[in-house]
Structures are given as C-alpha cells and as structure tokens.
Amino acid sequence: MLIGEVARRSGVSARMLRHYESRGLVRPSGRTGSGYREYSAEDIRRIFHIESLRSLGLSLREIGRALDDPGFTPSALVDDLIRQTRERIAAETELLTRLRRIDAADPTGWEGVLQVVALLQALGSKSADARQRAALSSVDEVPVPVEALVEAALSESDPNVAGALRWALARSGDGGPATLLAEGLGSPEAAVRERAVQSLAEMPDGEATARLRDALAHPDAVVRGYAALALGAQGTADAIPTLIDMIVAGRNDTDAADALSVLASDTATADQIATGLVDRLTHDTAEAPARGRLTQALAGIPGTTAARALMELSHDEDRAVALTATYLLQLRDAR
C-alpha cells in the first residue's frame, strides 16, 4: 500500500508518516519498481500502535523504546505519565480558577487586571502581614471575588488574618459568601469546619442565619456550639436546646449561659429556658459538675419558673447544688 493510501486509511498525514520514518519508528517494508514507499499490513499495524501510544502522551522517543525494547516494562512509564498528567491538570485548574476570579472582578482595563492579580497573589503569600493587608484592602481598594476570600478564610490559620478575612467577607455583599461558607461545613477537616461556622457567625444577612440554623443539627459539636452562640446573640430561640447541651457538656458553658440570659428577654422565652434547664437537672443523668453548671445558668433567667426551680434546688441532695441555689436566691432577693 502506497503512502497516500496509508494516510487516507489511517488518518495519519503523509508528512507525519515521513517524520516517523526519519525517527526510525516505522519503515516501509518495500519499494515499488518506481521507488515509491510500500507499506505492508505489519507496517500499518505498527502505525496504529504508534498513534495509540501517542494518545497516552508518550513522546516519540518513549514510543520507540516501548515498541522495540523486548525488556521494556510499561508500568513505570505509565506511573510517570499519571504523575505528569495530574501535575498538569492541577496547574491548568489553578490557572482556570485564577482567570475566572479575574473575570468575576470585572476589571475595566489592564491596570485593574494587574491589581486583582497582585491582590490574589498577596492572599496566598507566606507572609501573614501581606495576607492581612490584602484582606483589608479587598473591601475598598480592589474588589476581590467572593470565592477567593472564602477559600482564603477556610484555609487561614493565623488568627489576625482570619479575623480580617471574616471582616472582609461580612462586607462583601449578599448571600453568596454564606452559600460558599456553608459548603465548608461539610469538610472532612475539623479546622475548616470551625473556620466556616465562625465566618458565618459574623455574616449579617439572612442567608447566613439560615445556614447557622441548619448547623444546629451538624454532627460536629464544635460547629453546633458556634452556631448556637451566634444565633443566641441574634435572639433566635432555636439555639436554646444546643446552648443547654453546651452547659451540660461544659463546653463554652459560660458563653452558653450568657447567650441564654440574652434570649430570656421576654417572659415566654425565659420560662422556656428555665423549663429546659430544670428538665435536664431533673431527668438527665448529668454528673455533679454538670448539675452545678445548670443551676448557675438559672441565675441569668428571670421569671417565676426560674425562681421556683432555684427554691426547689436549695433543698437538693447535692450540697453544692443546694448552696449554689440558695446563694442565687439571695441575689435575686437583693435585686
């Protein structure tokens, strides 16, 4: 079969076939009487083998070795190709992400593009000071896409930089940040989940509040706790059961008790909180320290339900609980 027919049937151009021949990859088995190249069926099979290996990303040198070296073992080469491909995909993905963020910033000219690029680079700097300056300048000087701020906030370990990033996110606009931060609550890394809920706690919009309500059912107790404290400060009664759980567990119990006292601003809610605390004291299998913390939490709850509970607790079998309740009653009487 002549070179033109081989090119037509194989899809490999005559020029490429000559290039393969010059590299010693495939040589026509014969020549016609006029001196034209003539390819045998075996030659054509080899051409298809070359094309198959090229599709895997092998160089022509590697292809020649694979086809001609009887002792060639492909596993090492394939492993190396996998590594190179992953590195290339990671680099291309990073570039695509950077380009999308520049596009989202909608710069008006090349000066704006360069400013966004510089700010994105600063957010990824090894210097905490540089990252903090970038976070603070992202609000007024150069608009940074929310995705970049969220990514930085979820990965930031320096507390000062993290605070600056949360401040920037809280001023970055509508519900977009809250939606992206909520995705961080599903991270397998506890530190990322904690940063996500801390950032949501500082977001002022309704979407963030909705996400925090959802977080009250999160399997991570730390996430539930941050969500409950934030919602309690906002006056959201949904946080009451989680806040009481925190007091029982002794996890940020003082903050949880303070949040309950803030929530107890009206009679109905105060009675609800007092009932919840008493229920855990009466029916819970909580140990003595937990019962003491629950009793102390009643100090910040106004109303007759809390007062009646303290009166009963002043006769509790646990002397520490009884003394605490008696002291709290004296304080209430003094007020």
Protein backbone atom coordinates (compact mmCIF):
# COMPACT_ATOMS: atom_id res chain seq x y z
CA MET A 1 0.00 0.00 0.00
CA LEU A 2 1.43 3.35 -1.04
CA ILE A 3 1.88 6.25 1.38
CA GLY A 4 -1.14 8.20 0.12
CA GLU A 5 -3.48 5.27 0.67
CA VAL A 6 -1.99 4.61 4.12
CA ALA A 7 -2.52 8.25 5.06
CA ARG A 8 -6.12 8.12 3.89
CA ARG A 9 -6.95 4.93 5.77
CA SER A 10 -5.03 5.64 8.97
CA GLY A 11 -5.75 9.33 9.32
CA VAL A 12 -2.02 10.00 9.73
CA SER A 13 -0.75 12.56 7.24
CA ALA A 14 1.91 11.62 4.67
CA ARG A 15 4.14 14.29 6.26
CA MET A 16 3.82 12.65 9.68
CA LEU A 17 4.48 9.21 8.21
CA ARG A 18 7.74 10.54 6.72
CA HIS A 19 8.57 12.05 10.12
CA TYR A 20 8.02 8.68 11.78
CA GLU A 21 10.32 7.14 9.21
CA SER A 22 13.02 9.75 9.85
CA ARG A 23 12.84 8.94 13.57
CA GLY A 24 13.12 5.23 12.88
CA LEU A 25 9.68 4.41 14.27
CA VAL A 26 8.26 2.77 11.14
CA ARG A 27 9.92 1.98 7.84
CA PRO A 28 8.06 0.82 4.75
CA SER A 29 8.81 -2.84 4.18
CA GLY A 30 9.26 -2.41 0.43
CA ARG A 31 9.51 -0.16 -2.58
CA THR A 32 7.69 -0.24 -5.88
CA GLY A 33 9.54 -0.51 -9.17
CA SER A 34 9.35 3.27 -9.38
CA GLY A 35 10.90 3.65 -5.92
CA TYR A 36 7.73 4.63 -4.04
CA ARG A 37 7.31 3.55 -0.42
CA GLU A 38 5.13 0.49 0.01
CA TYR A 39 3.69 -0.37 3.41
CA SER A 40 2.81 -3.91 4.46
CA ALA A 41 -0.04 -4.92 6.78
CA GLU A 42 2.52 -5.22 9.61
CA ASP A 43 3.75 -1.68 8.91
CA ILE A 44 0.19 -0.36 9.15
CA ARG A 45 -0.38 -2.19 12.45
CA ARG A 46 2.75 -0.53 13.80
CA ILE A 47 1.46 2.88 12.71
CA PHE A 48 -1.74 2.30 14.67
CA HIS A 49 0.33 1.20 17.70
CA ILE A 50 2.32 4.45 17.46
CA GLU A 51 -0.84 6.54 17.34
CA SER A 52 -2.32 4.68 20.30
CA LEU A 53 0.77 5.34 22.41
CA ARG A 54 0.85 9.00 21.33
CA SER A 55 -2.72 9.34 22.61
CA LEU A 56 -1.40 8.45 26.07
CA GLY A 57 1.04 11.33 25.97
CA LEU A 58 4.22 9.38 25.24
CA SER A 59 6.99 11.12 23.35
CA LEU A 60 8.26 9.61 20.09
CA ARG A 61 11.43 8.53 21.87
CA GLU A 62 9.38 6.73 24.53
CA ILE A 63 7.21 5.15 21.84
CA GLY A 64 10.27 3.84 20.02
CA ARG A 65 11.58 2.30 23.22
CA ALA A 66 8.19 0.77 24.04
CA LEU A 67 7.89 -0.87 20.60
CA ASP A 68 11.47 -2.04 20.09
CA ASP A 69 12.85 -2.92 23.54
CA PRO A 70 11.87 -6.53 24.39
CA GLY A 71 12.66 -5.94 28.05
CA PHE A 72 10.62 -2.76 28.30
CA THR A 73 8.22 -2.69 31.25
CA PRO A 74 5.40 -0.19 30.78
CA SER A 75 4.31 0.11 34.42
CA ALA A 76 6.99 2.63 35.46
CA LEU A 77 6.37 4.75 32.38
CA VAL A 78 2.60 4.69 32.88
CA ASP A 79 3.02 5.68 36.55
CA ASP A 80 5.20 8.59 35.46
CA LEU A 81 2.61 9.63 32.88
CA ILE A 82 -0.09 9.56 35.55
CA ARG A 83 2.02 11.81 37.80
CA GLN A 84 2.78 14.25 34.97
CA THR A 85 -0.87 14.35 33.94
CA ARG A 86 -2.03 15.07 37.49
CA GLU A 87 0.51 17.87 37.82
CA ARG A 88 -0.59 19.33 34.50
CA ILE A 89 -4.28 19.13 35.44
CA ALA A 90 -3.58 20.78 38.80
CA ALA A 91 -1.65 23.59 37.13
CA GLU A 92 -4.34 24.11 34.49
CA THR A 93 -7.08 24.05 37.14
CA GLU A 94 -5.24 26.65 39.18
CA LEU A 95 -4.85 28.84 36.11
CA LEU A 96 -8.53 28.45 35.21
CA THR A 97 -9.55 29.40 38.76
CA ARG A 98 -7.34 32.50 38.65
CA LEU A 99 -8.75 33.56 35.29
CA ARG A 100 -12.34 33.09 36.48
CA ARG A 101 -11.66 35.21 39.54
CA ILE A 102 -10.14 37.97 37.47
CA ASP A 103 -13.17 37.82 35.17
CA ALA A 104 -15.52 37.97 38.19
CA ALA A 105 -13.75 41.10 39.42
CA ASP A 106 -14.71 42.71 36.08
CA PRO A 107 -11.64 44.96 35.76
CA THR A 108 -12.07 47.91 33.38
CA GLY A 109 -8.54 47.73 31.97
CA TRP A 110 -5.15 46.10 32.27
CA GLU A 111 -4.37 48.23 35.30
CA GLY A 112 -7.33 46.66 37.05
CA VAL A 113 -6.29 43.16 35.94
CA LEU A 114 -2.83 43.67 37.40
CA GLN A 115 -4.28 44.96 40.67
CA VAL A 116 -6.53 41.89 41.02
CA VAL A 117 -3.63 39.55 40.20
CA ALA A 118 -1.45 41.27 42.80
CA LEU A 119 -4.16 41.01 45.44
CA LEU A 120 -4.82 37.33 44.71
CA GLN A 121 -1.10 36.64 44.99
CA ALA A 122 -0.97 38.53 48.29
CA LEU A 123 -3.83 36.43 49.68
CA GLY A 124 -1.69 33.36 49.00
CA SER A 125 1.52 34.89 50.37
CA LYS A 126 3.61 33.13 53.02
CA SER A 127 3.67 36.42 54.95
CA ALA A 128 0.78 36.80 57.41
CA ASP A 129 1.15 40.60 57.24
CA ALA A 130 0.79 40.53 53.45
CA ARG A 131 -2.31 38.33 53.68
CA GLN A 132 -3.86 40.60 56.29
CA ARG A 133 -3.22 43.75 54.22
CA ALA A 134 -4.74 42.03 51.19
CA ALA A 135 -7.86 41.09 53.16
CA LEU A 136 -8.33 44.60 54.49
CA SER A 137 -7.76 46.25 51.11
CA SER A 138 -10.13 43.87 49.32
CA VAL A 139 -13.18 45.80 50.50
CA ASP A 140 -12.46 49.33 49.32
CA GLU A 141 -9.40 49.33 47.06
CA VAL A 142 -9.66 46.33 44.72
CA PRO A 143 -12.80 44.16 44.53
CA VAL A 144 -11.83 40.53 45.11
CA PRO A 145 -14.17 37.73 44.03
CA VAL A 146 -16.01 36.19 46.97
CA GLU A 147 -14.71 32.72 46.04
CA ALA A 148 -11.13 33.86 46.66
CA LEU A 149 -11.99 35.38 50.04
CA VAL A 150 -13.89 32.25 51.13
CA GLU A 151 -11.05 29.98 50.06
CA ALA A 152 -8.57 32.14 51.97
CA ALA A 153 -10.79 32.26 55.07
CA LEU A 154 -11.25 28.48 55.17
CA SER A 155 -7.52 27.83 54.91
CA GLU A 156 -6.21 30.62 57.17
CA SER A 157 -4.60 29.53 60.46
CA ASP A 158 -3.30 32.92 61.66
CA PRO A 159 -5.99 34.39 63.98
CA ASN A 160 -5.34 38.03 62.98
CA VAL A 161 -5.51 37.28 59.26
CA ALA A 162 -8.57 35.07 59.79
CA GLY A 163 -10.32 37.94 61.58
CA ALA A 164 -9.51 40.33 58.72
CA LEU A 165 -10.84 37.83 56.18
CA ARG A 166 -14.09 37.34 58.12
CA TRP A 167 -14.45 41.13 58.30
CA ALA A 168 -13.96 41.36 54.53
CA LEU A 169 -16.47 38.57 53.89
CA ALA A 170 -19.07 40.23 56.11
CA ARG A 171 -18.83 43.31 53.88
CA SER A 172 -18.66 41.52 50.57
CA GLY A 173 -22.33 41.51 49.68
CA ASP A 174 -25.43 39.36 49.51
CA GLY A 175 -25.90 35.64 50.16
CA GLY A 176 -23.04 34.38 48.00
CA PRO A 177 -20.45 34.18 50.79
CA ALA A 178 -22.86 32.34 53.11
CA THR A 179 -23.60 29.69 50.49
CA LEU A 180 -19.91 29.08 49.82
CA LEU A 181 -19.01 29.10 53.52
CA ALA A 182 -21.76 26.56 54.23
CA GLU A 183 -20.00 24.17 51.86
CA GLY A 184 -17.03 24.35 54.21
CA LEU A 185 -19.19 22.88 56.97
CA GLY A 186 -19.04 19.59 55.08
CA SER A 187 -15.23 19.47 55.03
CA PRO A 188 -13.57 16.36 56.47
CA GLU A 189 -11.14 18.69 58.31
CA ALA A 190 -12.37 19.94 61.68
CA ALA A 191 -10.35 23.17 61.40
CA VAL A 192 -12.03 24.05 58.09
CA ARG A 193 -15.49 23.39 59.54
CA GLU A 194 -14.69 25.62 62.51
CA ARG A 195 -13.48 28.46 60.28
CA ALA A 196 -16.59 28.14 58.13
CA VAL A 197 -19.03 28.45 61.04
CA GLN A 198 -17.01 31.28 62.61
CA SER A 199 -17.22 33.20 59.34
CA LEU A 200 -20.96 32.53 59.04
CA ALA A 201 -21.41 33.82 62.59
CA GLU A 202 -20.11 37.22 61.50
CA MET A 203 -22.21 37.47 58.35
CA PRO A 204 -25.05 39.97 58.73
CA ASP A 205 -27.52 38.61 56.16
CA GLY A 206 -30.50 36.29 56.44
CA GLU A 207 -28.88 33.58 54.33
CA ALA A 208 -26.10 33.21 56.92
CA THR A 209 -28.68 32.94 59.70
CA ALA A 210 -30.46 30.18 57.80
CA ARG A 211 -27.18 28.32 57.38
CA LEU A 212 -26.45 28.67 61.09
CA ARG A 213 -29.87 27.24 61.91
CA ASP A 214 -29.04 24.24 59.73
CA ALA A 215 -25.70 23.93 61.56
CA LEU A 216 -27.54 23.32 64.85
CA ALA A 217 -28.05 19.75 63.60
CA HIS A 218 -24.43 19.32 62.48
CA PRO A 219 -22.68 16.16 63.76
CA ASP A 220 -19.68 18.24 64.90
CA ALA A 221 -20.34 19.59 68.42
CA VAL A 222 -17.92 22.49 67.85
CA VAL A 223 -19.90 23.61 64.79
CA ARG A 224 -23.17 23.31 66.68
CA GLY A 225 -21.73 25.36 69.53
CA TYR A 226 -20.52 28.25 67.39
CA ALA A 227 -23.85 28.29 65.53
CA ALA A 228 -25.84 28.32 68.78
CA LEU A 229 -23.80 31.15 70.30
CA ALA A 230 -24.19 33.26 67.17
CA LEU A 231 -27.92 32.59 66.92
CA GLY A 232 -28.38 33.24 70.63
CA ALA A 233 -26.75 36.64 70.25
CA GLN A 234 -29.22 37.34 67.44
CA GLY A 235 -32.17 36.38 69.63
CA THR A 236 -33.00 33.13 67.82
CA ALA A 237 -34.76 30.74 70.21
CA ASP A 238 -33.91 27.71 68.05
CA ALA A 239 -30.49 27.77 69.70
CA ILE A 240 -31.80 27.09 73.22
CA PRO A 241 -31.50 23.23 73.25
CA THR A 242 -27.94 23.36 71.90
CA LEU A 243 -26.94 26.03 74.41
CA ILE A 244 -28.25 23.87 77.25
CA ASP A 245 -26.33 20.89 75.82
CA MET A 246 -23.17 23.01 75.94
CA ILE A 247 -23.74 23.78 79.62
CA VAL A 248 -24.20 20.09 80.41
CA ALA A 249 -21.06 19.17 78.46
CA GLY A 250 -19.02 22.01 80.00
CA ARG A 251 -18.07 23.30 76.55
CA ASN A 252 -18.06 27.11 76.45
CA ASP A 253 -20.69 26.80 79.20
CA THR A 254 -20.20 30.36 80.47
CA ASP A 255 -20.76 31.80 76.99
CA ALA A 256 -23.76 29.50 76.54
CA ALA A 257 -25.27 30.68 79.84
CA ASP A 258 -24.73 34.31 78.81
CA ALA A 259 -26.46 33.62 75.49
CA LEU A 260 -29.43 32.09 77.32
CA SER A 261 -29.72 35.16 79.53
CA VAL A 262 -29.80 37.34 76.41
CA LEU A 263 -32.53 35.16 74.92
CA ALA A 264 -34.59 35.35 78.13
CA SER A 265 -35.70 38.89 77.35
CA ASP A 266 -39.42 38.06 77.35
CA THR A 267 -41.45 36.02 79.80
CA ALA A 268 -42.37 33.18 77.43
CA THR A 269 -38.80 32.57 76.33
CA ALA A 270 -37.47 32.90 79.88
CA ASP A 271 -39.93 30.24 81.04
CA GLN A 272 -38.96 28.02 78.09
CA ILE A 273 -35.27 28.28 79.02
CA ALA A 274 -35.90 27.70 82.72
CA THR A 275 -38.03 24.65 81.93
CA GLY A 276 -35.30 23.26 79.70
CA LEU A 277 -32.64 23.73 82.40
CA VAL A 278 -34.83 22.16 85.09
CA ASP A 279 -35.71 19.25 82.82
CA ARG A 280 -32.02 18.46 82.37
CA LEU A 281 -31.49 18.75 86.13
CA THR A 282 -34.44 16.50 86.94
CA HIS A 283 -34.36 13.85 84.26
CA ASP A 284 -30.82 13.95 82.95
CA THR A 285 -28.14 11.58 84.17
CA ALA A 286 -25.72 14.53 84.36
CA GLU A 287 -22.95 14.25 86.93
CA ALA A 288 -22.49 16.71 89.80
CA PRO A 289 -20.38 19.29 87.88
CA ALA A 290 -22.99 19.45 85.11
CA ARG A 291 -25.81 19.88 87.65
CA GLY A 292 -23.86 22.71 89.21
CA ARG A 293 -23.45 24.46 85.86
CA LEU A 294 -27.16 24.06 85.09
CA THR A 295 -28.03 25.57 88.45
CA GLN A 296 -25.69 28.51 87.86
CA ALA A 297 -27.26 29.09 84.44
CA LEU A 298 -30.62 29.71 86.15
CA ALA A 299 -29.09 32.85 87.71
CA GLY A 300 -29.44 34.77 84.47
CA ILE A 301 -33.02 33.69 83.75
CA PRO A 302 -35.76 35.98 85.09
CA GLY A 303 -39.30 34.94 85.95
CA THR A 304 -41.21 32.76 88.35
CA THR A 305 -40.29 29.44 86.71
CA ALA A 306 -36.57 30.00 87.31
CA ALA A 307 -37.20 31.33 90.84
CA ARG A 308 -39.35 28.31 91.73
CA ALA A 309 -36.68 25.96 90.33
CA LEU A 310 -33.99 27.61 92.45
CA MET A 311 -36.19 27.32 95.53
CA GLU A 312 -36.54 23.57 94.99
CA LEU A 313 -32.83 23.20 94.24
CA SER A 314 -31.95 24.93 97.51
CA HIS A 315 -33.06 21.66 99.17
CA ASP A 316 -31.25 19.42 96.69
CA GLU A 317 -29.45 16.31 97.98
CA ASP A 318 -26.29 17.56 96.33
CA ARG A 319 -24.95 20.06 98.87
CA ALA A 320 -23.01 22.04 96.27
CA VAL A 321 -26.15 22.47 94.15
CA ALA A 322 -28.20 23.41 97.22
CA LEU A 323 -25.68 26.03 98.35
CA THR A 324 -25.44 27.49 94.83
CA ALA A 325 -29.24 27.71 94.54
CA THR A 326 -29.51 29.33 97.98
CA TYR A 327 -26.89 31.92 97.10
CA LEU A 328 -28.61 32.72 93.78
CA LEU A 329 -31.93 33.15 95.55
CA GLN A 330 -30.33 35.62 97.94
CA LEU A 331 -29.00 37.59 94.98
CA ARG A 332 -32.46 37.64 93.39
CA ASP A 333 -33.99 38.87 96.63
CA ALA A 334 -31.34 41.59 96.91
CA ARG A 335 -32.18 42.78 93.39
